[in-house]
Protein backbone atom coordinates (compact mmCIF):
# COMPACT_ATOMS: atom_id res chain seq x y z
CA MET A 1 -126.98 -211.80 -175.45
CA LYS A 2 -126.61 -215.45 -176.43
CA LYS A 3 -123.37 -217.27 -175.79
CA GLN A 4 -121.81 -218.39 -179.06
CA ILE A 5 -120.50 -221.95 -179.17
CA ASN A 6 -117.55 -222.55 -181.46
CA VAL A 7 -117.46 -225.89 -183.22
CA GLY A 8 -114.42 -226.72 -185.26
CA ARG A 9 -111.72 -229.14 -186.17
CA PRO A 10 -108.58 -229.49 -184.04
CA GLU A 11 -106.26 -228.59 -186.87
CA ASP A 12 -107.96 -225.36 -187.90
CA GLY A 13 -107.29 -223.52 -184.63
CA GLN A 14 -110.98 -222.78 -184.18
CA GLY A 15 -113.53 -224.29 -181.86
CA ASP A 16 -111.79 -223.80 -178.55
CA GLU A 17 -114.81 -225.14 -176.73
CA LEU A 18 -116.50 -227.96 -178.64
CA LEU A 19 -115.68 -230.48 -181.38
CA ASP A 20 -118.03 -232.53 -183.49
CA LYS A 21 -117.62 -236.29 -184.00
CA LEU A 22 -115.67 -235.84 -187.20
CA GLY A 23 -113.26 -233.44 -185.52
CA VAL A 24 -112.66 -235.87 -182.65
CA ALA A 25 -112.22 -238.77 -185.09
CA GLN A 26 -109.64 -236.84 -187.08
CA TRP A 27 -107.80 -235.83 -183.91
CA LEU A 28 -107.70 -239.40 -182.56
CA VAL A 29 -107.08 -240.86 -186.05
CA VAL A 30 -110.03 -243.25 -185.72
CA SER A 31 -113.37 -243.62 -187.46
CA VAL A 32 -116.49 -241.70 -186.49
CA GLY A 33 -117.97 -245.08 -185.47
CA THR A 34 -115.13 -245.58 -182.99
CA VAL A 35 -115.87 -242.16 -181.48
CA ASP A 36 -119.49 -243.30 -181.04
CA VAL A 37 -118.33 -246.52 -179.37
CA LEU A 38 -116.08 -244.57 -176.97
CA ARG A 39 -118.95 -242.19 -176.18
CA ARG A 40 -121.46 -244.97 -175.53
CA ALA A 41 -118.94 -246.83 -173.37
CA GLY A 42 -118.51 -243.73 -171.21
CA LYS A 43 -114.84 -243.39 -172.09
CA LEU A 44 -115.34 -240.10 -173.91
CA ARG A 45 -117.81 -237.67 -172.37
CA ALA A 46 -120.11 -235.87 -174.81
CA ILE A 47 -122.70 -233.12 -174.69
CA LYS A 48 -126.01 -233.30 -176.56
CA VAL A 49 -126.94 -230.05 -178.29
CA GLY A 50 -130.37 -230.70 -179.71
CA ARG A 51 -129.91 -233.74 -181.94
CA LYS A 52 -126.17 -233.17 -182.27
CA VAL A 53 -123.36 -234.60 -180.16
CA ARG A 54 -120.42 -232.37 -179.24
CA PHE A 55 -117.21 -233.04 -177.32
CA GLU A 56 -115.33 -230.60 -175.14
CA ARG A 57 -111.71 -230.28 -176.22
CA VAL A 58 -110.59 -230.70 -172.59
CA GLU A 59 -112.46 -234.03 -172.34
CA VAL A 60 -110.73 -235.36 -175.45
CA LYS A 61 -107.38 -234.30 -173.98
CA ARG A 62 -108.24 -236.12 -170.73
CA TYR A 63 -109.06 -239.26 -172.69
CA LEU A 64 -105.76 -239.03 -174.57
CA ASN A 65 -103.84 -238.57 -171.32
CA GLY A 66 -105.63 -241.50 -169.67
CA GLU A 67 -107.14 -239.20 -167.04
CA ARG A 68 -110.78 -240.00 -167.80
CA GLU A 69 -111.91 -242.46 -165.18
CA CYS A 70 -114.65 -244.97 -165.73
CA GLY A 71 -115.88 -247.18 -162.94
CA GLY A 72 -113.05 -245.99 -160.71
CA GLU A 73 -110.34 -247.23 -163.10
CA PRO A 74 -108.44 -245.60 -165.95
CA PRO A 75 -110.12 -246.05 -169.35
CA SER A 76 -107.48 -248.52 -170.53
CA ALA A 77 -108.27 -250.87 -167.65
CA ALA A 78 -112.04 -250.47 -167.38
CA GLN A 79 -114.85 -251.93 -169.41
CA CYS A 80 -117.40 -249.11 -169.07
CA ARG A 81 -121.08 -249.71 -169.62
């Protein structure tokens, strides 16, 4: 049996596991482009599913709480590459 992956928006109460870029952007109140910049900078960890990019809800929460480390420093202090 295949494991089903839920993808949803934060406000709809669905998608306990993964969010798409639009869902993360709406949650953080930023543009989708900003989500891409955060992902490329290593500040927001993403998962590639085929050609799609998904974000674990727990990783977005870590970013919001400043717990995501990058280069040994909190994201607000680090310039990740």
